[in-house]
Amino acid sequence: MSYQVVVTFDLVNASSDNYQCVREELSSMGLYNFVFGRHDTIVDLPHNTFVGDLYGSHVDEIRDSIRSQMQNAFRRCGVRGPILVTVGGPESTWGTITV
């Protein structure tokens, strides 16, 4: 089943290179900081908000997987900060973590 995932975060004392690293990590997960609006127009999201449609068997599984991937991405990029993961579907869920 497909679920819409929204991730937002803050980075503590990060450089523009750190932000770029995190953006690239999120893109590799299928999460982007834009959505398609009416008539396929691109709508930019707030700077640190990313969204994507991901497949899984349950919202908790997707939330935990993305949280874990975000922790690893932050470590690879050498950054710290809070992360919020929201998974929407018939049964919505959300979870936070600070790395």
PDB file of N, CA and C in Angstrom:
ATOM      1  N   MET A   1       0.847  -1.176   0.000  1.00  0.00           N
ATOM      2  CA  MET A   1       0.000   0.000   0.000  1.00  0.00           C
ATOM      3  C   MET A   1       0.891   1.238   0.000  1.00  0.00           C
ATOM      4  N   SER A   2       0.432   2.284  -0.650  1.00  0.00           N
ATOM      5  CA  SER A   2       1.176   3.537  -0.735  1.00  0.00           C
ATOM      6  C   SER A   2       0.735   4.493   0.371  1.00  0.00           C
ATOM      7  N   TYR A   3       1.713   5.117   1.004  1.00  0.00           N
ATOM      8  CA  TYR A   3       1.459   6.081   2.068  1.00  0.00           C
ATOM      9  C   TYR A   3       2.211   7.363   1.772  1.00  0.00           C
ATOM     10  N   GLN A   4       1.604   8.499   2.115  1.00  0.00           N
ATOM     11  CA  GLN A   4       2.305   9.770   1.955  1.00  0.00           C
ATOM     12  C   GLN A   4       3.129  10.033   3.209  1.00  0.00           C
ATOM     13  N   VAL A   5       4.419  10.284   2.998  1.00  0.00           N
ATOM     14  CA  VAL A   5       5.353  10.541   4.089  1.00  0.00           C
ATOM     15  C   VAL A   5       5.780  11.996   4.020  1.00  0.00           C
ATOM     16  N   VAL A   6       5.748  12.681   5.168  1.00  0.00           N
ATOM     17  CA  VAL A   6       6.237  14.046   5.280  1.00  0.00           C
ATOM     18  C   VAL A   6       7.321  14.061   6.339  1.00  0.00           C
ATOM     19  N   VAL A   7       8.482  14.620   5.986  1.00  0.00           N
ATOM     20  CA  VAL A   7       9.601  14.744   6.917  1.00  0.00           C
ATOM     21  C   VAL A   7       9.963  16.216   7.007  1.00  0.00           C
ATOM     22  N   THR A   8      10.116  16.711   8.225  1.00  0.00           N
ATOM     23  CA  THR A   8      10.616  18.058   8.436  1.00  0.00           C
ATOM     24  C   THR A   8      11.667  17.989   9.535  1.00  0.00           C
ATOM     25  N   PHE A   9      12.630  18.905   9.487  1.00  0.00           N
ATOM     26  CA  PHE A   9      13.755  18.827  10.412  1.00  0.00           C
ATOM     27  C   PHE A   9      14.398  20.192  10.586  1.00  0.00           C
ATOM     28  N   ASP A  10      15.207  20.311  11.617  1.00  0.00           N
ATOM     29  CA  ASP A  10      16.084  21.458  11.827  1.00  0.00           C
ATOM     30  C   ASP A  10      17.493  20.917  11.990  1.00  0.00           C
ATOM     31  N   LEU A  11      18.469  21.668  11.503  1.00  0.00           N
ATOM     32  CA  LEU A  11      19.868  21.299  11.697  1.00  0.00           C
ATOM     33  C   LEU A  11      20.506  22.293  12.651  1.00  0.00           C
ATOM     34  N   VAL A  12      21.326  21.787  13.559  1.00  0.00           N
ATOM     35  CA  VAL A  12      21.998  22.616  14.559  1.00  0.00           C
ATOM     36  C   VAL A  12      23.393  22.959  14.052  1.00  0.00           C
ATOM     37  N   ASN A  13      23.691  24.266  13.973  1.00  0.00           N
ATOM     38  CA  ASN A  13      25.021  24.742  13.563  1.00  0.00           C
ATOM     39  C   ASN A  13      25.503  24.085  12.279  1.00  0.00           C
ATOM     40  N   ALA A  14      24.679  24.098  11.257  1.00  0.00           N
ATOM     41  CA  ALA A  14      25.002  23.415  10.000  1.00  0.00           C
ATOM     42  C   ALA A  14      25.376  24.417   8.911  1.00  0.00           C
ATOM     43  N   SER A  15      26.200  23.958   7.998  1.00  0.00           N
ATOM     44  CA  SER A  15      26.610  24.770   6.852  1.00  0.00           C
ATOM     45  C   SER A  15      25.684  24.482   5.670  1.00  0.00           C
ATOM     46  N   SER A  16      25.815  25.270   4.620  1.00  0.00           N
ATOM     47  CA  SER A  16      25.017  25.013   3.414  1.00  0.00           C
ATOM     48  C   SER A  16      25.391  23.661   2.806  1.00  0.00           C
ATOM     49  N   ASP A  17      26.651  23.247   2.932  1.00  0.00           N
ATOM     50  CA  ASP A  17      27.052  21.916   2.452  1.00  0.00           C
ATOM     51  C   ASP A  17      26.349  20.811   3.227  1.00  0.00           C
ATOM     52  N   ASN A  18      26.174  21.019   4.544  1.00  0.00           N
ATOM     53  CA  ASN A  18      25.447  20.035   5.349  1.00  0.00           C
ATOM     54  C   ASN A  18      23.997  19.908   4.881  1.00  0.00           C
ATOM     55  N   TYR A  19      23.358  21.053   4.628  1.00  0.00           N
ATOM     56  CA  TYR A  19      21.980  21.027   4.142  1.00  0.00           C
ATOM     57  C   TYR A  19      21.893  20.312   2.799  1.00  0.00           C
ATOM     58  N   GLN A  20      22.838  20.589   1.910  1.00  0.00           N
ATOM     59  CA  GLN A  20      22.847  19.934   0.601  1.00  0.00           C
ATOM     60  C   GLN A  20      23.002  18.424   0.760  1.00  0.00           C
ATOM     61  N   CYS A  21      23.861  18.002   1.665  1.00  0.00           N
ATOM     62  CA  CYS A  21      24.059  16.577   1.922  1.00  0.00           C
ATOM     63  C   CYS A  21      22.746  15.930   2.369  1.00  0.00           C
ATOM     64  N   VAL A  22      22.043  16.559   3.294  1.00  0.00           N
ATOM     65  CA  VAL A  22      20.771  16.009   3.793  1.00  0.00           C
ATOM     66  C   VAL A  22      19.740  15.979   2.669  1.00  0.00           C
ATOM     67  N   ARG A  23      19.664  17.041   1.846  1.00  0.00           N
ATOM     68  CA  ARG A  23      18.730  17.055   0.721  1.00  0.00           C
ATOM     69  C   ARG A  23      18.985  15.881  -0.223  1.00  0.00           C
ATOM     70  N   GLU A  24      20.253  15.612  -0.508  1.00  0.00           N
ATOM     71  CA  GLU A  24      20.597  14.494  -1.392  1.00  0.00           C
ATOM     72  C   GLU A  24      20.210  13.156  -0.763  1.00  0.00           C
ATOM     73  N   GLU A  25      20.425  13.021   0.535  1.00  0.00           N
ATOM     74  CA  GLU A  25      20.032  11.795   1.238  1.00  0.00           C
ATOM     75  C   GLU A  25      18.519  11.586   1.146  1.00  0.00           C
ATOM     76  N   LEU A  26      17.753  12.658   1.359  1.00  0.00           N
ATOM     77  CA  LEU A  26      16.298  12.560   1.293  1.00  0.00           C
ATOM     78  C   LEU A  26      15.829  12.201  -0.110  1.00  0.00           C
ATOM     79  N   SER A  27      16.451  12.786  -1.111  1.00  0.00           N
ATOM     80  CA  SER A  27      16.093  12.464  -2.493  1.00  0.00           C
ATOM     81  C   SER A  27      16.316  10.988  -2.780  1.00  0.00           C
ATOM     82  N   SER A  28      17.397  10.428  -2.227  1.00  0.00           N
ATOM     83  CA  SER A  28      17.670   9.003  -2.455  1.00  0.00           C
ATOM     84  C   SER A  28      16.625   8.113  -1.772  1.00  0.00           C
ATOM     85  N   MET A  29      15.899   8.665  -0.787  1.00  0.00           N
ATOM     86  CA  MET A  29      14.824   7.933  -0.111  1.00  0.00           C
ATOM     87  C   MET A  29      13.487   8.110  -0.824  1.00  0.00           C
ATOM     88  N   GLY A  30      13.455   8.959  -1.856  1.00  0.00           N
ATOM     89  CA  GLY A  30      12.200   9.228  -2.558  1.00  0.00           C
ATOM     90  C   GLY A  30      11.406  10.361  -1.950  1.00  0.00           C
ATOM     91  N   LEU A  31      12.087  11.235  -1.192  1.00  0.00           N
ATOM     92  CA  LEU A  31      11.432  12.374  -0.546  1.00  0.00           C
ATOM     93  C   LEU A  31      11.987  13.667  -1.152  1.00  0.00           C
ATOM     94  N   TYR A  32      11.090  14.589  -1.500  1.00  0.00           N
ATOM     95  CA  TYR A  32      11.481  15.813  -2.201  1.00  0.00           C
ATOM     96  C   TYR A  32      10.830  17.025  -1.549  1.00  0.00           C
ATOM     97  N   ASN A  33      11.421  18.224  -1.751  1.00  0.00           N
ATOM     98  CA  ASN A  33      10.840  19.407  -1.110  1.00  0.00           C
ATOM     99  C   ASN A  33       9.955  20.199  -2.078  1.00  0.00           C
ATOM    100  N   PHE A  34       9.216  19.467  -2.900  1.00  0.00           N
ATOM    101  CA  PHE A  34       8.195  20.049  -3.760  1.00  0.00           C
ATOM    102  C   PHE A  34       7.110  19.001  -3.986  1.00  0.00           C
ATOM    103  N   VAL A  35       5.956  19.471  -4.377  1.00  0.00           N
ATOM    104  CA  VAL A  35       4.853  18.585  -4.760  1.00  0.00           C
ATOM    105  C   VAL A  35       4.283  19.095  -6.080  1.00  0.00           C
ATOM    106  N   PHE A  36       3.545  18.243  -6.753  1.00  0.00           N
ATOM    107  CA  PHE A  36       2.874  18.662  -7.978  1.00  0.00           C
ATOM    108  C   PHE A  36       1.480  19.151  -7.627  1.00  0.00           C
ATOM    109  N   GLY A  37       1.173  20.368  -8.043  1.00  0.00           N
ATOM    110  CA  GLY A  37      -0.134  20.952  -7.802  1.00  0.00           C
ATOM    111  C   GLY A  37      -1.054  20.717  -8.974  1.00  0.00           C
ATOM    112  N   ARG A  38      -2.036  21.566  -9.073  1.00  0.00           N
ATOM    113  CA  ARG A  38      -2.990  21.465 -10.182  1.00  0.00           C
ATOM    114  C   ARG A  38      -2.277  21.612 -11.512  1.00  0.00           C
ATOM    115  N   HIS A  39      -2.721  20.846 -12.456  1.00  0.00           N
ATOM    116  CA  HIS A  39      -2.184  20.904 -13.821  1.00  0.00           C
ATOM    117  C   HIS A  39      -0.672  20.653 -13.840  1.00  0.00           C
ATOM    118  N   ASP A  40      -0.206  19.807 -12.913  1.00  0.00           N
ATOM    119  CA  ASP A  40       1.207  19.417 -12.829  1.00  0.00           C
ATOM    120  C   ASP A  40       2.165  20.581 -12.594  1.00  0.00           C
ATOM    121  N   THR A  41       1.675  21.665 -11.985  1.00  0.00           N
ATOM    122  CA  THR A  41       2.584  22.745 -11.613  1.00  0.00           C
ATOM    123  C   THR A  41       3.363  22.309 -10.373  1.00  0.00           C
ATOM    124  N   ILE A  42       4.608  22.746 -10.271  1.00  0.00           N
ATOM    125  CA  ILE A  42       5.445  22.384  -9.132  1.00  0.00           C
ATOM    126  C   ILE A  42       5.238  23.411  -8.022  1.00  0.00           C
ATOM    127  N   VAL A  43       4.942  22.908  -6.817  1.00  0.00           N
ATOM    128  CA  VAL A  43       4.736  23.755  -5.648  1.00  0.00           C
ATOM    129  C   VAL A  43       5.884  23.483  -4.679  1.00  0.00           C
ATOM    130  N   ASP A  44       6.686  24.507  -4.399  1.00  0.00           N
ATOM    131  CA  ASP A  44       7.787  24.353  -3.451  1.00  0.00           C
ATOM    132  C   ASP A  44       7.259  24.289  -2.022  1.00  0.00           C
ATOM    133  N   LEU A  45       7.874  23.424  -1.229  1.00  0.00           N
ATOM    134  CA  LEU A  45       7.531  23.292   0.186  1.00  0.00           C
ATOM    135  C   LEU A  45       8.489  24.142   1.014  1.00  0.00           C
ATOM    136  N   PRO A  46       8.186  24.379   2.290  1.00  0.00           N
ATOM    137  CA  PRO A  46       9.142  25.083   3.144  1.00  0.00           C
ATOM    138  C   PRO A  46      10.509  24.398   3.091  1.00  0.00           C
ATOM    139  N   HIS A  47      11.542  25.175   3.294  1.00  0.00           N
ATOM    140  CA  HIS A  47      12.929  24.764   3.083  1.00  0.00           C
ATOM    141  C   HIS A  47      13.284  23.378   3.626  1.00  0.00           C
ATOM    142  N   ASN A  48      12.874  23.029   4.823  1.00  0.00           N
ATOM    143  CA  ASN A  48      13.258  21.753   5.439  1.00  0.00           C
ATOM    144  C   ASN A  48      12.101  20.774   5.533  1.00  0.00           C
ATOM    145  N   THR A  49      11.175  20.834   4.596  1.00  0.00           N
ATOM    146  CA  THR A  49      10.038  19.923   4.559  1.00  0.00           C
ATOM    147  C   THR A  49      10.101  19.130   3.258  1.00  0.00           C
ATOM    148  N   PHE A  50      10.016  17.810   3.390  1.00  0.00           N
ATOM    149  CA  PHE A  50      10.114  16.908   2.244  1.00  0.00           C
ATOM    150  C   PHE A  50       8.949  15.937   2.268  1.00  0.00           C
ATOM    151  N   VAL A  51       8.497  15.521   1.096  1.00  0.00           N
ATOM    152  CA  VAL A  51       7.330  14.649   1.001  1.00  0.00           C
ATOM    153  C   VAL A  51       7.551  13.607  -0.101  1.00  0.00           C
ATOM    154  N   GLY A  52       6.913  12.466   0.057  1.00  0.00           N
ATOM    155  CA  GLY A  52       6.975  11.429  -0.967  1.00  0.00           C
ATOM    156  C   GLY A  52       5.948  10.353  -0.688  1.00  0.00           C
ATOM    157  N   ASP A  53       5.588   9.616  -1.710  1.00  0.00           N
ATOM    158  CA  ASP A  53       4.684   8.471  -1.568  1.00  0.00           C
ATOM    159  C   ASP A  53       5.537   7.213  -1.521  1.00  0.00           C
ATOM    160  N   LEU A  54       5.474   6.503  -0.398  1.00  0.00           N
ATOM    161  CA  LEU A  54       6.288   5.307  -0.196  1.00  0.00           C
ATOM    162  C   LEU A  54       5.386   4.106   0.049  1.00  0.00           C
ATOM    163  N   TYR A  55       5.892   2.949  -0.285  1.00  0.00           N
ATOM    164  CA  TYR A  55       5.130   1.714  -0.146  1.00  0.00           C
ATOM    165  C   TYR A  55       5.587   0.926   1.078  1.00  0.00           C
ATOM    166  N   GLY A  56       4.635   0.298   1.731  1.00  0.00           N
ATOM    167  CA  GLY A  56       4.921  -0.543   2.884  1.00  0.00           C
ATOM    168  C   GLY A  56       3.665  -1.243   3.329  1.00  0.00           C
ATOM    169  N   SER A  57       3.808  -2.102   4.332  1.00  0.00           N
ATOM    170  CA  SER A  57       2.646  -2.869   4.778  1.00  0.00           C
ATOM    171  C   SER A  57       1.883  -2.175   5.905  1.00  0.00           C
ATOM    172  N   HIS A  58       2.539  -1.232   6.600  1.00  0.00           N
ATOM    173  CA  HIS A  58       1.861  -0.566   7.710  1.00  0.00           C
ATOM    174  C   HIS A  58       2.535   0.774   7.993  1.00  0.00           C
ATOM    175  N   VAL A  59       1.760   1.726   8.498  1.00  0.00           N
ATOM    176  CA  VAL A  59       2.299   3.064   8.762  1.00  0.00           C
ATOM    177  C   VAL A  59       3.461   3.031   9.755  1.00  0.00           C
ATOM    178  N   ASP A  60       3.361   2.178  10.769  1.00  0.00           N
ATOM    179  CA  ASP A  60       4.440   2.101  11.768  1.00  0.00           C
ATOM    180  C   ASP A  60       5.747   1.637  11.140  1.00  0.00           C
ATOM    181  N   GLU A  61       5.655   0.683  10.222  1.00  0.00           N
ATOM    182  CA  GLU A  61       6.844   0.165   9.536  1.00  0.00           C
ATOM    183  C   GLU A  61       7.530   1.278   8.740  1.00  0.00           C
ATOM    184  N   ILE A  62       6.744   2.049   8.006  1.00  0.00           N
ATOM    185  CA  ILE A  62       7.308   3.131   7.200  1.00  0.00           C
ATOM    186  C   ILE A  62       7.892   4.210   8.092  1.00  0.00           C
ATOM    187  N   ARG A  63       7.163   4.618   9.133  1.00  0.00           N
ATOM    188  CA  ARG A  63       7.665   5.642  10.066  1.00  0.00           C
ATOM    189  C   ARG A  63       9.000   5.223  10.647  1.00  0.00           C
ATOM    190  N   ASP A  64       9.080   4.003  11.163  1.00  0.00           N
ATOM    191  CA  ASP A  64      10.314   3.535  11.791  1.00  0.00           C
ATOM    192  C   ASP A  64      11.459   3.433  10.793  1.00  0.00           C
ATOM    193  N   SER A  65      11.157   2.997   9.574  1.00  0.00           N
ATOM    194  CA  SER A  65      12.176   2.880   8.537  1.00  0.00           C
ATOM    195  C   SER A  65      12.730   4.253   8.161  1.00  0.00           C
ATOM    196  N   ILE A  66      11.850   5.220   7.935  1.00  0.00           N
ATOM    197  CA  ILE A  66      12.298   6.563   7.564  1.00  0.00           C
ATOM    198  C   ILE A  66      13.052   7.216   8.718  1.00  0.00           C
ATOM    199  N   ARG A  67      12.577   7.039   9.935  1.00  0.00           N
ATOM    200  CA  ARG A  67      13.306   7.594  11.096  1.00  0.00           C
ATOM    201  C   ARG A  67      14.709   7.029  11.168  1.00  0.00           C
ATOM    202  N   SER A  68      14.836   5.735  10.976  1.00  0.00           N
ATOM    203  CA  SER A  68      16.148   5.088  11.005  1.00  0.00           C
ATOM    204  C   SER A  68      17.030   5.594   9.859  1.00  0.00           C
ATOM    205  N   GLN A  69      16.458   5.693   8.670  1.00  0.00           N
ATOM    206  CA  GLN A  69      17.221   6.207   7.529  1.00  0.00           C
ATOM    207  C   GLN A  69      17.646   7.655   7.754  1.00  0.00           C
ATOM    208  N   MET A  70      16.795   8.444   8.387  1.00  0.00           N
ATOM    209  CA  MET A  70      17.143   9.838   8.691  1.00  0.00           C
ATOM    210  C   MET A  70      18.286   9.907   9.694  1.00  0.00           C
ATOM    211  N   GLN A  71      18.252   9.057  10.715  1.00  0.00           N
ATOM    212  CA  GLN A  71      19.353   9.014  11.678  1.00  0.00           C
ATOM    213  C   GLN A  71      20.668   8.726  10.962  1.00  0.00           C
ATOM    214  N   ASN A  72      20.656   7.731  10.089  1.00  0.00           N
ATOM    215  CA  ASN A  72      21.865   7.371   9.346  1.00  0.00           C
ATOM    216  C   ASN A  72      22.299   8.498   8.417  1.00  0.00           C
ATOM    217  N   ALA A  73      21.349   9.160   7.773  1.00  0.00           N
ATOM    218  CA  ALA A  73      21.667  10.274   6.879  1.00  0.00           C
ATOM    219  C   ALA A  73      22.309  11.416   7.655  1.00  0.00           C
ATOM    220  N   PHE A  74      21.755  11.739   8.819  1.00  0.00           N
ATOM    221  CA  PHE A  74      22.331  12.808   9.641  1.00  0.00           C
ATOM    222  C   PHE A  74      23.757  12.451  10.046  1.00  0.00           C
ATOM    223  N   ARG A  75      23.978  11.206  10.409  1.00  0.00           N
ATOM    224  CA  ARG A  75      25.333  10.785  10.783  1.00  0.00           C
ATOM    225  C   ARG A  75      26.289  10.907   9.604  1.00  0.00           C
ATOM    226  N   ARG A  76      25.857  10.437   8.425  1.00  0.00           N
ATOM    227  CA  ARG A  76      26.717  10.533   7.232  1.00  0.00           C
ATOM    228  C   ARG A  76      27.022  11.982   6.881  1.00  0.00           C
ATOM    229  N   CYS A  77      26.051  12.868   7.094  1.00  0.00           N
ATOM    230  CA  CYS A  77      26.233  14.285   6.769  1.00  0.00           C
ATOM    231  C   CYS A  77      26.884  15.065   7.901  1.00  0.00           C
ATOM    232  N   GLY A  78      27.081  14.423   9.045  1.00  0.00           N
ATOM    233  CA  GLY A  78      27.741  15.077  10.173  1.00  0.00           C
ATOM    234  C   GLY A  78      26.919  16.177  10.815  1.00  0.00           C
ATOM    235  N   VAL A  79      25.592  15.967  10.909  1.00  0.00           N
ATOM    236  CA  VAL A  79      24.714  16.985  11.477  1.00  0.00           C
ATOM    237  C   VAL A  79      23.888  16.414  12.625  1.00  0.00           C
ATOM    238  N   ARG A  80      23.293  17.341  13.369  1.00  0.00           N
ATOM    239  CA  ARG A  80      22.411  16.996  14.480  1.00  0.00           C
ATOM    240  C   ARG A  80      21.169  17.860  14.388  1.00  0.00           C
ATOM    241  N   GLY A  81      20.082  17.398  15.036  1.00  0.00           N
ATOM    242  CA  GLY A  81      18.869  18.192  15.098  1.00  0.00           C
ATOM    243  C   GLY A  81      17.632  17.327  15.166  1.00  0.00           C
ATOM    244  N   PRO A  82      16.488  17.970  15.443  1.00  0.00           N
ATOM    245  CA  PRO A  82      15.226  17.238  15.546  1.00  0.00           C
ATOM    246  C   PRO A  82      14.653  16.904  14.171  1.00  0.00           C
ATOM    247  N   ILE A  83      13.971  15.761  14.116  1.00  0.00           N
ATOM    248  CA  ILE A  83      13.344  15.270  12.889  1.00  0.00           C
ATOM    249  C   ILE A  83      11.906  14.876  13.227  1.00  0.00           C
ATOM    250  N   LEU A  84      10.970  15.265  12.376  1.00  0.00           N
ATOM    251  CA  LEU A  84       9.579  14.839  12.515  1.00  0.00           C
ATOM    252  C   LEU A  84       9.204  14.062  11.261  1.00  0.00           C
ATOM    253  N   VAL A  85       8.716  12.834  11.459  1.00  0.00           N
ATOM    254  CA  VAL A  85       8.258  11.982  10.361  1.00  0.00           C
ATOM    255  C   VAL A  85       6.764  11.753  10.545  1.00  0.00           C
ATOM    256  N   THR A  86       5.978  12.101   9.526  1.00  0.00           N
ATOM    257  CA  THR A  86       4.539  11.875   9.543  1.00  0.00           C
ATOM    258  C   THR A  86       4.182  10.960   8.383  1.00  0.00           C
ATOM    259  N   VAL A  87       3.378   9.934   8.656  1.00  0.00           N
ATOM    260  CA  VAL A  87       2.947   9.002   7.615  1.00  0.00           C
ATOM    261  C   VAL A  87       1.429   9.048   7.554  1.00  0.00           C
ATOM    262  N   GLY A  88       0.900   9.433   6.398  1.00  0.00           N
ATOM    263  CA  GLY A  88      -0.539   9.545   6.222  1.00  0.00           C
ATOM    264  C   GLY A  88      -1.088   8.376   5.425  1.00  0.00           C
ATOM    265  N   GLY A  89      -2.274   7.994   5.754  1.00  0.00           N
ATOM    266  CA  GLY A  89      -2.968   6.909   5.080  1.00  0.00           C
ATOM    267  C   GLY A  89      -4.239   6.643   5.849  1.00  0.00           C
ATOM    268  N   PRO A  90      -4.835   5.468   5.656  1.00  0.00           N
ATOM    269  CA  PRO A  90      -6.043   5.146   6.413  1.00  0.00           C
ATOM    270  C   PRO A  90      -5.815   5.213   7.923  1.00  0.00           C
ATOM    271  N   GLU A  91      -4.608   4.851   8.357  1.00  0.00           N
ATOM    272  CA  GLU A  91      -4.220   4.978   9.760  1.00  0.00           C
ATOM    273  C   GLU A  91      -2.960   5.829   9.782  1.00  0.00           C
ATOM    274  N   SER A  92      -3.066   7.085  10.178  1.00  0.00           N
ATOM    275  CA  SER A  92      -1.914   7.981  10.171  1.00  0.00           C
ATOM    276  C   SER A  92      -1.069   7.767  11.417  1.00  0.00           C
ATOM    277  N   THR A  93       0.216   8.141  11.315  1.00  0.00           N
ATOM    278  CA  THR A  93       1.109   8.068  12.466  1.00  0.00           C
ATOM    279  C   THR A  93       2.188   9.117  12.312  1.00  0.00           C
ATOM    280  N   TRP A  94       2.858   9.426  13.398  1.00  0.00           N
ATOM    281  CA  TRP A  94       3.999  10.317  13.337  1.00  0.00           C
ATOM    282  C   TRP A  94       4.961   9.952  14.444  1.00  0.00           C
ATOM    283  N   GLY A  95       6.217  10.385  14.294  1.00  0.00           N
ATOM    284  CA  GLY A  95       7.225  10.114  15.302  1.00  0.00           C
ATOM    285  C   GLY A  95       8.359  11.105  15.171  1.00  0.00           C
ATOM    286  N   THR A  96       8.991  11.410  16.287  1.00  0.00           N
ATOM    287  CA  THR A  96      10.102  12.363  16.263  1.00  0.00           C
ATOM    288  C   THR A  96      11.353  11.689  16.785  1.00  0.00           C
ATOM    289  N   ILE A  97      12.486  12.314  16.499  1.00  0.00           N
ATOM    290  CA  ILE A  97      13.764  11.869  17.030  1.00  0.00           C
ATOM    291  C   ILE A  97      14.716  13.045  16.917  1.00  0.00           C
ATOM    292  N   THR A  98      15.628  13.167  17.854  1.00  0.00           N
ATOM    293  CA  THR A  98      16.680  14.168  17.766  1.00  0.00           C
ATOM    294  C   THR A  98      17.998  13.452  17.662  1.00  0.00           C
ATOM    295  N   VAL A  99      18.780  13.790  16.656  1.00  0.00           N
ATOM    296  CA  VAL A  99      20.076  13.152  16.411  1.00  0.00           C
ATOM    297  C   VAL A  99      21.163  14.131  16.800  1.00  0.00           C
TER     298      VAL A  99
END
